[in-house]
Amino acid sequence: MDFNVKFSAEFFPPRDPNDDDALLAEVKKIAVYKPRYLSVTYGPAGLWADRTAGLARRICEETGIETAAHMTCIGQTKDALFEQLDMYAAQGIKHIVALRGDIPRDKEKPAPDNTDYFHYANEFVEGIKAHNSDFDISVGAYPETHRDAVCAAEDLRFLKQKIDAGARRAVTQFFFETDVFAQFLEQARAAGIDCEIVAGLSAINDFERICRYAKGAKAHMPDALIKQFADQQEDHLSLAAVFLENQIKSLMQGGTRHFHFYTLNTAEPLLTALERL
């Protein structure tokens, strides 16, 4: 891969802690390629906070690679979030992926006038920086607009608020059509968003699962891609590796130099694509 190109990769805590060792084995396969950082996701309303913290610490210790911890603010008090931030700082994790998150179905969203909570991601970013300015903060961006956004212009306005609040970079939701990212980047720059915008790509190691995620995230999946994976005689991991490789090459031709890979906790087909590149 071009030495000017960097990548990061995302994992989630297994539901069963007994599966952590197997996940670490997958992480280490990708760590060989020296990612810029690795990140660990977070359950709704802090349900997996301890699991995120433990796994992030292990990944950092066992790979020597910077590890980012995801945090969502909705449904958790500011005090609870600040305690978690202090815990991360104490264990040497200084990169936070700050998100609003979705409220769990069995809980109510805090009232808008309740000052014990952050209600939006930009408030959370501002709160993190005020609590500890040493944190490096990434936020989410949505090339096909967030599912709750009224329109693309509103979504970009919210993104700019997050960057203005202190986030250093925006990492996009995964997408399958490279033109989508190019158009989003152009619109973001026109909206005054001048930070690093990282292209999020999904390694398609479980096509049916990715289809469900894509539907929930409003990420359009091209008919040609669906048709390819519908053929049960095809080697789906090989198809996925070729598709991912072609996405990366196309984006690189357009000037993209940092990619974030959603791994679904499996090294393949990302490894194959990296080896080819």
C-alpha atoms as a PDB file:
ATOM      1  CA  MET A   1       0.000   0.000   0.000  1.00  0.00           C
ATOM      2  CA  ASP A   2       1.139   3.564  -0.709  1.00  0.00           C
ATOM      3  CA  PHE A   3       3.224   4.609   2.300  1.00  0.00           C
ATOM      4  CA  ASN A   4       1.219   7.847   2.539  1.00  0.00           C
ATOM      5  CA  VAL A   5      -1.963   5.849   3.100  1.00  0.00           C
ATOM      6  CA  LYS A   6      -3.065   5.021   6.635  1.00  0.00           C
ATOM      7  CA  PHE A   7      -5.902   2.933   8.005  1.00  0.00           C
ATOM      8  CA  SER A   8      -7.716   2.156  11.217  1.00  0.00           C
ATOM      9  CA  ALA A   9      -9.882  -0.833  12.105  1.00  0.00           C
ATOM     10  CA  GLU A  10     -12.894  -1.246  14.369  1.00  0.00           C
ATOM     11  CA  PHE A  11     -13.948  -4.111  16.627  1.00  0.00           C
ATOM     12  CA  PHE A  12     -16.714  -4.717  19.142  1.00  0.00           C
ATOM     13  CA  PRO A  13     -16.591  -6.543  22.482  1.00  0.00           C
ATOM     14  CA  PRO A  14     -17.838 -10.137  22.169  1.00  0.00           C
ATOM     15  CA  ARG A  15     -20.944 -10.806  24.243  1.00  0.00           C
ATOM     16  CA  ASP A  16     -19.111 -13.657  25.959  1.00  0.00           C
ATOM     17  CA  PRO A  17     -15.801 -12.521  27.563  1.00  0.00           C
ATOM     18  CA  ASN A  18     -14.508 -16.050  26.949  1.00  0.00           C
ATOM     19  CA  ASP A  19     -14.342 -15.096  23.257  1.00  0.00           C
ATOM     20  CA  ASP A  20     -11.951 -12.195  23.884  1.00  0.00           C
ATOM     21  CA  ASP A  21      -8.834 -14.296  23.224  1.00  0.00           C
ATOM     22  CA  ALA A  22     -10.174 -15.374  19.824  1.00  0.00           C
ATOM     23  CA  LEU A  23     -10.903 -11.752  18.970  1.00  0.00           C
ATOM     24  CA  LEU A  24      -7.408 -10.671  20.035  1.00  0.00           C
ATOM     25  CA  ALA A  25      -6.008 -13.243  17.617  1.00  0.00           C
ATOM     26  CA  GLU A  26      -7.955 -11.595  14.772  1.00  0.00           C
ATOM     27  CA  VAL A  27      -6.873  -8.118  15.915  1.00  0.00           C
ATOM     28  CA  LYS A  28      -3.216  -9.142  15.905  1.00  0.00           C
ATOM     29  CA  LYS A  29      -3.460 -10.367  12.307  1.00  0.00           C
ATOM     30  CA  ILE A  30      -4.482  -6.863  11.266  1.00  0.00           C
ATOM     31  CA  ALA A  31      -2.011  -5.201  13.651  1.00  0.00           C
ATOM     32  CA  VAL A  32       0.827  -6.665  11.554  1.00  0.00           C
ATOM     33  CA  TYR A  33      -0.034  -4.033   8.924  1.00  0.00           C
ATOM     34  CA  LYS A  34       0.565  -1.190  11.415  1.00  0.00           C
ATOM     35  CA  PRO A  35      -2.827   0.543  11.480  1.00  0.00           C
ATOM     36  CA  ARG A  36      -2.918   4.154  12.574  1.00  0.00           C
ATOM     37  CA  TYR A  37      -5.160   3.072  15.430  1.00  0.00           C
ATOM     38  CA  LEU A  38      -7.626   0.379  16.455  1.00  0.00           C
ATOM     39  CA  SER A  39     -11.005   1.127  18.000  1.00  0.00           C
ATOM     40  CA  VAL A  40     -13.479  -0.669  20.237  1.00  0.00           C
ATOM     41  CA  THR A  41     -17.208   0.043  20.103  1.00  0.00           C
ATOM     42  CA  TYR A  42     -19.600   0.659  22.953  1.00  0.00           C
ATOM     43  CA  GLY A  43     -23.073  -0.544  23.811  1.00  0.00           C
ATOM     44  CA  PRO A  44     -26.166   1.692  24.002  1.00  0.00           C
ATOM     45  CA  ALA A  45     -26.305   3.935  27.085  1.00  0.00           C
ATOM     46  CA  GLY A  46     -23.028   2.572  28.390  1.00  0.00           C
ATOM     47  CA  LEU A  47     -24.192  -1.041  28.683  1.00  0.00           C
ATOM     48  CA  TRP A  48     -20.791  -2.341  27.568  1.00  0.00           C
ATOM     49  CA  ALA A  49     -18.629   0.406  29.087  1.00  0.00           C
ATOM     50  CA  ASP A  50     -16.572  -2.000  31.197  1.00  0.00           C
ATOM     51  CA  ARG A  51     -16.186  -4.433  28.309  1.00  0.00           C
ATOM     52  CA  THR A  52     -15.059  -1.631  25.992  1.00  0.00           C
ATOM     53  CA  ALA A  53     -12.525  -0.409  28.535  1.00  0.00           C
ATOM     54  CA  GLY A  54     -11.108  -3.861  29.234  1.00  0.00           C
ATOM     55  CA  LEU A  55     -10.810  -4.843  25.598  1.00  0.00           C
ATOM     56  CA  ALA A  56      -9.313  -1.493  24.571  1.00  0.00           C
ATOM     57  CA  ARG A  57      -6.683  -1.828  27.280  1.00  0.00           C
ATOM     58  CA  ARG A  58      -5.802  -5.376  26.195  1.00  0.00           C
ATOM     59  CA  ILE A  59      -5.532  -4.438  22.536  1.00  0.00           C
ATOM     60  CA  CYS A  60      -3.278  -1.501  23.330  1.00  0.00           C
ATOM     61  CA  GLU A  61      -1.069  -3.550  25.661  1.00  0.00           C
ATOM     62  CA  GLU A  62      -0.798  -6.608  23.417  1.00  0.00           C
ATOM     63  CA  THR A  63      -0.305  -4.838  20.072  1.00  0.00           C
ATOM     64  CA  GLY A  64       1.422  -1.593  21.087  1.00  0.00           C
ATOM     65  CA  ILE A  65      -0.941   0.253  18.739  1.00  0.00           C
ATOM     66  CA  GLU A  66      -2.972   3.297  19.759  1.00  0.00           C
ATOM     67  CA  THR A  67      -6.459   2.193  20.728  1.00  0.00           C
ATOM     68  CA  ALA A  68      -9.566   4.371  20.676  1.00  0.00           C
ATOM     69  CA  ALA A  69     -12.602   3.784  22.878  1.00  0.00           C
ATOM     70  CA  HIS A  70     -16.083   4.550  21.581  1.00  0.00           C
ATOM     71  CA  MET A  71     -18.486   6.352  23.897  1.00  0.00           C
ATOM     72  CA  THR A  72     -22.128   7.323  23.468  1.00  0.00           C
ATOM     73  CA  CYS A  73     -23.619  10.066  25.600  1.00  0.00           C
ATOM     74  CA  ILE A  74     -27.376   9.608  25.346  1.00  0.00           C
ATOM     75  CA  GLY A  75     -28.963   8.090  28.433  1.00  0.00           C
ATOM     76  CA  GLN A  76     -25.928   8.493  30.698  1.00  0.00           C
ATOM     77  CA  THR A  77     -25.342  11.325  33.136  1.00  0.00           C
ATOM     78  CA  LYS A  78     -22.448  13.680  32.623  1.00  0.00           C
ATOM     79  CA  ASP A  79     -20.917  12.499  35.888  1.00  0.00           C
ATOM     80  CA  ALA A  80     -20.997   8.871  34.756  1.00  0.00           C
ATOM     81  CA  LEU A  81     -19.353   9.785  31.451  1.00  0.00           C
ATOM     82  CA  PHE A  82     -16.670  11.853  33.177  1.00  0.00           C
ATOM     83  CA  GLU A  83     -15.873   8.894  35.440  1.00  0.00           C
ATOM     84  CA  GLN A  84     -15.393   6.724  32.375  1.00  0.00           C
ATOM     85  CA  LEU A  85     -13.161   9.356  30.764  1.00  0.00           C
ATOM     86  CA  ASP A  86     -11.007   9.489  33.887  1.00  0.00           C
ATOM     87  CA  MET A  87     -10.741   5.698  33.793  1.00  0.00           C
ATOM     88  CA  TYR A  88      -9.581   5.793  30.163  1.00  0.00           C
ATOM     89  CA  ALA A  89      -7.058   8.531  30.893  1.00  0.00           C
ATOM     90  CA  ALA A  90      -5.677   6.533  33.827  1.00  0.00           C
ATOM     91  CA  GLN A  91      -5.076   3.493  31.619  1.00  0.00           C
ATOM     92  CA  GLY A  92      -3.434   5.536  28.883  1.00  0.00           C
ATOM     93  CA  ILE A  93      -6.290   5.683  26.377  1.00  0.00           C
ATOM     94  CA  LYS A  94      -6.555   9.230  25.074  1.00  0.00           C
ATOM     95  CA  HIS A  95      -8.522   8.750  21.848  1.00  0.00           C
ATOM     96  CA  ILE A  96     -12.312   8.828  22.141  1.00  0.00           C
ATOM     97  CA  VAL A  97     -14.841   8.222  19.364  1.00  0.00           C
ATOM     98  CA  ALA A  98     -17.640  10.451  20.667  1.00  0.00           C
ATOM     99  CA  LEU A  99     -21.171   9.640  19.499  1.00  0.00           C
ATOM    100  CA  ARG A 100     -24.674  10.526  20.559  1.00  0.00           C
ATOM    101  CA  GLY A 101     -25.857   6.932  20.337  1.00  0.00           C
ATOM    102  CA  ASP A 102     -29.325   5.445  20.394  1.00  0.00           C
ATOM    103  CA  ILE A 103     -31.399   5.257  23.538  1.00  0.00           C
ATOM    104  CA  PRO A 104     -32.164   1.627  24.504  1.00  0.00           C
ATOM    105  CA  ARG A 105     -35.756   0.599  23.840  1.00  0.00           C
ATOM    106  CA  ASP A 106     -36.443  -0.014  27.519  1.00  0.00           C
ATOM    107  CA  LYS A 107     -35.408   3.514  28.552  1.00  0.00           C
ATOM    108  CA  GLU A 108     -36.760   6.999  28.002  1.00  0.00           C
ATOM    109  CA  LYS A 109     -34.752   9.726  26.354  1.00  0.00           C
ATOM    110  CA  PRO A 110     -33.744  12.423  28.890  1.00  0.00           C
ATOM    111  CA  ALA A 111     -35.881  15.567  28.764  1.00  0.00           C
ATOM    112  CA  PRO A 112     -34.270  18.334  26.646  1.00  0.00           C
ATOM    113  CA  ASP A 113     -34.027  20.673  29.643  1.00  0.00           C
ATOM    114  CA  ASN A 114     -32.295  18.116  31.884  1.00  0.00           C
ATOM    115  CA  THR A 115     -28.804  19.555  32.347  1.00  0.00           C
ATOM    116  CA  ASP A 116     -27.483  16.365  33.933  1.00  0.00           C
ATOM    117  CA  TYR A 117     -27.162  14.899  30.429  1.00  0.00           C
ATOM    118  CA  PHE A 118     -25.560  15.674  27.086  1.00  0.00           C
ATOM    119  CA  HIS A 119     -28.291  15.502  24.468  1.00  0.00           C
ATOM    120  CA  TYR A 120     -26.234  15.772  21.283  1.00  0.00           C
ATOM    121  CA  ALA A 121     -22.786  14.712  20.158  1.00  0.00           C
ATOM    122  CA  ASN A 122     -21.502  18.285  19.830  1.00  0.00           C
ATOM    123  CA  GLU A 123     -22.371  18.903  23.492  1.00  0.00           C
ATOM    124  CA  PHE A 124     -20.551  15.712  24.412  1.00  0.00           C
ATOM    125  CA  VAL A 125     -17.436  16.703  22.456  1.00  0.00           C
ATOM    126  CA  GLU A 126     -17.420  20.114  24.118  1.00  0.00           C
ATOM    127  CA  GLY A 127     -17.847  18.444  27.520  1.00  0.00           C
ATOM    128  CA  ILE A 128     -14.948  16.055  26.908  1.00  0.00           C
ATOM    129  CA  LYS A 129     -12.608  18.870  25.916  1.00  0.00           C
ATOM    130  CA  ALA A 130     -13.649  20.931  28.942  1.00  0.00           C
ATOM    131  CA  HIS A 131     -13.130  17.961  31.265  1.00  0.00           C
ATOM    132  CA  ASN A 132      -9.766  16.899  29.814  1.00  0.00           C
ATOM    133  CA  SER A 133      -8.340  18.783  26.845  1.00  0.00           C
ATOM    134  CA  ASP A 134      -5.742  16.053  26.233  1.00  0.00           C
ATOM    135  CA  PHE A 135      -8.284  13.731  24.624  1.00  0.00           C
ATOM    136  CA  ASP A 136      -8.085  13.263  20.867  1.00  0.00           C
ATOM    137  CA  ILE A 137     -11.693  13.077  19.628  1.00  0.00           C
ATOM    138  CA  SER A 138     -13.166  11.496  16.516  1.00  0.00           C
ATOM    139  CA  VAL A 139     -16.838  11.807  15.574  1.00  0.00           C
ATOM    140  CA  GLY A 140     -19.186  10.139  13.121  1.00  0.00           C
ATOM    141  CA  ALA A 141     -20.157  11.423   9.681  1.00  0.00           C
ATOM    142  CA  TYR A 142     -22.844  10.140   7.330  1.00  0.00           C
ATOM    143  CA  PRO A 143     -22.305  10.355   3.543  1.00  0.00           C
ATOM    144  CA  GLU A 144     -25.909   9.257   2.932  1.00  0.00           C
ATOM    145  CA  THR A 145     -27.178  11.311   5.919  1.00  0.00           C
ATOM    146  CA  HIS A 146     -27.911  10.067   9.413  1.00  0.00           C
ATOM    147  CA  ARG A 147     -31.158   8.135   9.616  1.00  0.00           C
ATOM    148  CA  ASP A 148     -32.589  10.737  12.034  1.00  0.00           C
ATOM    149  CA  ALA A 149     -31.584  13.772   9.954  1.00  0.00           C
ATOM    150  CA  VAL A 150     -34.250  15.780   8.158  1.00  0.00           C
ATOM    151  CA  CYS A 151     -31.953  16.479   5.200  1.00  0.00           C
ATOM    152  CA  ALA A 152     -28.298  16.401   4.137  1.00  0.00           C
ATOM    153  CA  ALA A 153     -27.816  20.118   4.826  1.00  0.00           C
ATOM    154  CA  GLU A 154     -28.995  19.682   8.426  1.00  0.00           C
ATOM    155  CA  ASP A 155     -26.726  16.676   8.858  1.00  0.00           C
ATOM    156  CA  LEU A 156     -23.719  18.676   7.646  1.00  0.00           C
ATOM    157  CA  ARG A 157     -24.614  21.502  10.011  1.00  0.00           C
ATOM    158  CA  PHE A 158     -24.569  19.061  12.910  1.00  0.00           C
ATOM    159  CA  LEU A 159     -21.226  17.671  11.755  1.00  0.00           C
ATOM    160  CA  LYS A 160     -19.714  21.143  11.659  1.00  0.00           C
ATOM    161  CA  GLN A 161     -20.951  21.747  15.208  1.00  0.00           C
ATOM    162  CA  LYS A 162     -19.123  18.610  16.358  1.00  0.00           C
ATOM    163  CA  ILE A 163     -15.891  19.709  14.695  1.00  0.00           C
ATOM    164  CA  ASP A 164     -16.197  23.265  16.009  1.00  0.00           C
ATOM    165  CA  ALA A 165     -16.720  21.816  19.501  1.00  0.00           C
ATOM    166  CA  GLY A 166     -13.269  20.222  19.413  1.00  0.00           C
ATOM    167  CA  ALA A 167     -13.299  16.996  17.375  1.00  0.00           C
ATOM    168  CA  ARG A 168     -10.176  16.478  15.279  1.00  0.00           C
ATOM    169  CA  ARG A 169     -11.565  14.183  12.598  1.00  0.00           C
ATOM    170  CA  ALA A 170     -14.782  12.664  11.263  1.00  0.00           C
ATOM    171  CA  VAL A 171     -15.077   8.972  10.399  1.00  0.00           C
ATOM    172  CA  THR A 172     -17.848   8.114   7.970  1.00  0.00           C
ATOM    173  CA  GLN A 173     -20.477   5.446   8.138  1.00  0.00           C
ATOM    174  CA  PHE A 174     -19.643   2.688   5.655  1.00  0.00           C
ATOM    175  CA  PHE A 175     -20.715   3.113   2.049  1.00  0.00           C
ATOM    176  CA  PHE A 176     -20.471   0.975  -1.065  1.00  0.00           C
ATOM    177  CA  GLU A 177     -20.334   3.518  -3.886  1.00  0.00           C
ATOM    178  CA  THR A 178     -17.211   5.659  -4.042  1.00  0.00           C
ATOM    179  CA  ASP A 179     -19.054   8.528  -5.733  1.00  0.00           C
ATOM    180  CA  VAL A 180     -21.097   8.864  -2.542  1.00  0.00           C
ATOM    181  CA  PHE A 181     -17.947   9.695  -0.574  1.00  0.00           C
ATOM    182  CA  ALA A 182     -16.614  12.101  -3.208  1.00  0.00           C
ATOM    183  CA  GLN A 183     -19.894  14.036  -3.242  1.00  0.00           C
ATOM    184  CA  PHE A 184     -20.067  14.085   0.543  1.00  0.00           C
ATOM    185  CA  LEU A 185     -16.509  15.376   0.807  1.00  0.00           C
ATOM    186  CA  GLU A 186     -17.277  18.164  -1.650  1.00  0.00           C
ATOM    187  CA  GLN A 187     -20.423  19.139   0.261  1.00  0.00           C
ATOM    188  CA  ALA A 188     -18.604  19.044   3.598  1.00  0.00           C
ATOM    189  CA  ARG A 189     -15.855  21.350   2.370  1.00  0.00           C
ATOM    190  CA  ALA A 190     -18.450  23.725   0.933  1.00  0.00           C
ATOM    191  CA  ALA A 191     -20.121  23.756   4.370  1.00  0.00           C
ATOM    192  CA  GLY A 192     -16.875  24.910   5.982  1.00  0.00           C
ATOM    193  CA  ILE A 193     -15.835  21.534   7.418  1.00  0.00           C
ATOM    194  CA  ASP A 194     -12.087  21.457   6.934  1.00  0.00           C
ATOM    195  CA  CYS A 195     -11.018  18.632   9.264  1.00  0.00           C
ATOM    196  CA  GLU A 196      -9.776  15.209   8.209  1.00  0.00           C
ATOM    197  CA  ILE A 197     -12.661  13.100   6.906  1.00  0.00           C
ATOM    198  CA  VAL A 198     -11.926   9.389   7.003  1.00  0.00           C
ATOM    199  CA  ALA A 199     -13.596   6.997   4.549  1.00  0.00           C
ATOM    200  CA  GLY A 200     -15.377   4.176   6.385  1.00  0.00           C
ATOM    201  CA  LEU A 201     -15.510   0.867   4.513  1.00  0.00           C
ATOM    202  CA  SER A 202     -17.092  -2.418   5.466  1.00  0.00           C
ATOM    203  CA  ALA A 203     -15.327  -5.727   5.011  1.00  0.00           C
ATOM    204  CA  ILE A 204     -18.168  -7.929   3.732  1.00  0.00           C
ATOM    205  CA  ASN A 205     -17.452 -11.105   5.681  1.00  0.00           C
ATOM    206  CA  ASP A 206     -21.133 -11.816   6.364  1.00  0.00           C
ATOM    207  CA  PHE A 207     -23.266 -10.566   3.492  1.00  0.00           C
ATOM    208  CA  GLU A 208     -26.686 -11.033   5.097  1.00  0.00           C
ATOM    209  CA  ARG A 209     -25.532  -9.291   8.255  1.00  0.00           C
ATOM    210  CA  ILE A 210     -24.043  -6.393   6.284  1.00  0.00           C
ATOM    211  CA  CYS A 211     -27.320  -6.049   4.381  1.00  0.00           C
ATOM    212  CA  ARG A 212     -29.184  -5.636   7.677  1.00  0.00           C
ATOM    213  CA  TYR A 213     -26.675  -3.072   8.905  1.00  0.00           C
ATOM    214  CA  ALA A 214     -26.807  -1.222   5.600  1.00  0.00           C
ATOM    215  CA  LYS A 215     -30.589  -0.972   5.765  1.00  0.00           C
ATOM    216  CA  GLY A 216     -30.454   0.394   9.302  1.00  0.00           C
ATOM    217  CA  ALA A 217     -27.727   2.863   8.399  1.00  0.00           C
ATOM    218  CA  LYS A 218     -29.337   4.022   5.133  1.00  0.00           C
ATOM    219  CA  ALA A 219     -26.275   2.871   3.201  1.00  0.00           C
ATOM    220  CA  HIS A 220     -27.309   2.058  -0.356  1.00  0.00           C
ATOM    221  CA  MET A 221     -26.097  -1.297  -1.622  1.00  0.00           C
ATOM    222  CA  PRO A 222     -25.736  -1.447  -5.430  1.00  0.00           C
ATOM    223  CA  ASP A 223     -27.823  -4.012  -7.273  1.00  0.00           C
ATOM    224  CA  ALA A 224     -24.709  -5.383  -8.978  1.00  0.00           C
ATOM    225  CA  LEU A 225     -23.148  -6.150  -5.589  1.00  0.00           C
ATOM    226  CA  ILE A 226     -26.314  -7.852  -4.362  1.00  0.00           C
ATOM    227  CA  LYS A 227     -26.435  -9.942  -7.530  1.00  0.00           C
ATOM    228  CA  GLN A 228     -22.825 -11.055  -7.090  1.00  0.00           C
ATOM    229  CA  PHE A 229     -23.374 -12.252  -3.546  1.00  0.00           C
ATOM    230  CA  ALA A 230     -26.672 -13.910  -4.423  1.00  0.00           C
ATOM    231  CA  ASP A 231     -24.723 -16.556  -6.343  1.00  0.00           C
ATOM    232  CA  GLN A 232     -24.101 -19.306  -3.796  1.00  0.00           C
ATOM    233  CA  GLN A 233     -21.505 -20.904  -6.068  1.00  0.00           C
ATOM    234  CA  GLU A 234     -19.184 -17.920  -5.682  1.00  0.00           C
ATOM    235  CA  ASP A 235     -16.452 -17.647  -3.066  1.00  0.00           C
ATOM    236  CA  HIS A 236     -17.938 -14.784  -1.065  1.00  0.00           C
ATOM    237  CA  LEU A 237     -14.757 -13.960   0.850  1.00  0.00           C
ATOM    238  CA  SER A 238     -12.839 -13.615  -2.418  1.00  0.00           C
ATOM    239  CA  LEU A 239     -15.605 -11.444  -3.833  1.00  0.00           C
ATOM    240  CA  ALA A 240     -15.512  -9.284  -0.732  1.00  0.00           C
ATOM    241  CA  ALA A 241     -11.734  -8.875  -0.853  1.00  0.00           C
ATOM    242  CA  VAL A 242     -11.803  -7.845  -4.520  1.00  0.00           C
ATOM    243  CA  PHE A 243     -14.663  -5.422  -3.915  1.00  0.00           C
ATOM    244  CA  LEU A 244     -12.862  -3.856  -0.943  1.00  0.00           C
ATOM    245  CA  GLU A 245      -9.590  -3.629  -2.861  1.00  0.00           C
ATOM    246  CA  ASN A 246     -11.339  -1.881  -5.759  1.00  0.00           C
ATOM    247  CA  GLN A 247     -13.055   0.551  -3.395  1.00  0.00           C
ATOM    248  CA  ILE A 248      -9.720   1.467  -1.829  1.00  0.00           C
ATOM    249  CA  LYS A 249      -7.995   1.907  -5.189  1.00  0.00           C
ATOM    250  CA  SER A 250     -10.818   4.076  -6.524  1.00  0.00           C
ATOM    251  CA  LEU A 251     -10.818   6.279  -3.434  1.00  0.00           C
ATOM    252  CA  MET A 252      -7.034   6.581  -3.504  1.00  0.00           C
ATOM    253  CA  GLN A 253      -7.234   7.823  -7.080  1.00  0.00           C
ATOM    254  CA  GLY A 254      -9.548  10.544  -5.776  1.00  0.00           C
ATOM    255  CA  GLY A 255      -7.029  11.553  -3.119  1.00  0.00           C
ATOM    256  CA  THR A 256      -8.266   9.634  -0.061  1.00  0.00           C
ATOM    257  CA  ARG A 257      -5.400   8.687   2.237  1.00  0.00           C
ATOM    258  CA  HIS A 258      -7.046   7.346   5.391  1.00  0.00           C
ATOM    259  CA  PHE A 259      -9.506   4.480   5.614  1.00  0.00           C
ATOM    260  CA  HIS A 260     -11.458   3.094   8.548  1.00  0.00           C
ATOM    261  CA  PHE A 261     -12.494  -0.544   8.278  1.00  0.00           C
ATOM    262  CA  TYR A 262     -15.542  -2.026   9.985  1.00  0.00           C
ATOM    263  CA  THR A 263     -14.295  -5.575  10.544  1.00  0.00           C
ATOM    264  CA  LEU A 264     -17.195  -7.328  12.301  1.00  0.00           C
ATOM    265  CA  ASN A 265     -14.418  -8.881  14.416  1.00  0.00           C
ATOM    266  CA  THR A 266     -12.984 -10.926  11.557  1.00  0.00           C
ATOM    267  CA  ALA A 267      -9.628 -10.307   9.874  1.00  0.00           C
ATOM    268  CA  GLU A 268     -10.768 -11.650   6.502  1.00  0.00           C
ATOM    269  CA  PRO A 269     -11.400 -10.361   3.864  1.00  0.00           C
ATOM    270  CA  LEU A 270      -9.567  -7.219   4.980  1.00  0.00           C
ATOM    271  CA  LEU A 271      -6.276  -9.121   5.266  1.00  0.00           C
ATOM    272  CA  THR A 272      -6.503 -10.330   1.673  1.00  0.00           C
ATOM    273  CA  ALA A 273      -7.197  -6.827   0.417  1.00  0.00           C
ATOM    274  CA  LEU A 274      -4.292  -5.387   2.403  1.00  0.00           C
ATOM    275  CA  GLU A 275      -1.942  -8.086   1.120  1.00  0.00           C
ATOM    276  CA  ARG A 276      -2.902  -7.316  -2.474  1.00  0.00           C
ATOM    277  CA  LEU A 277      -2.406  -3.609  -1.938  1.00  0.00           C
END
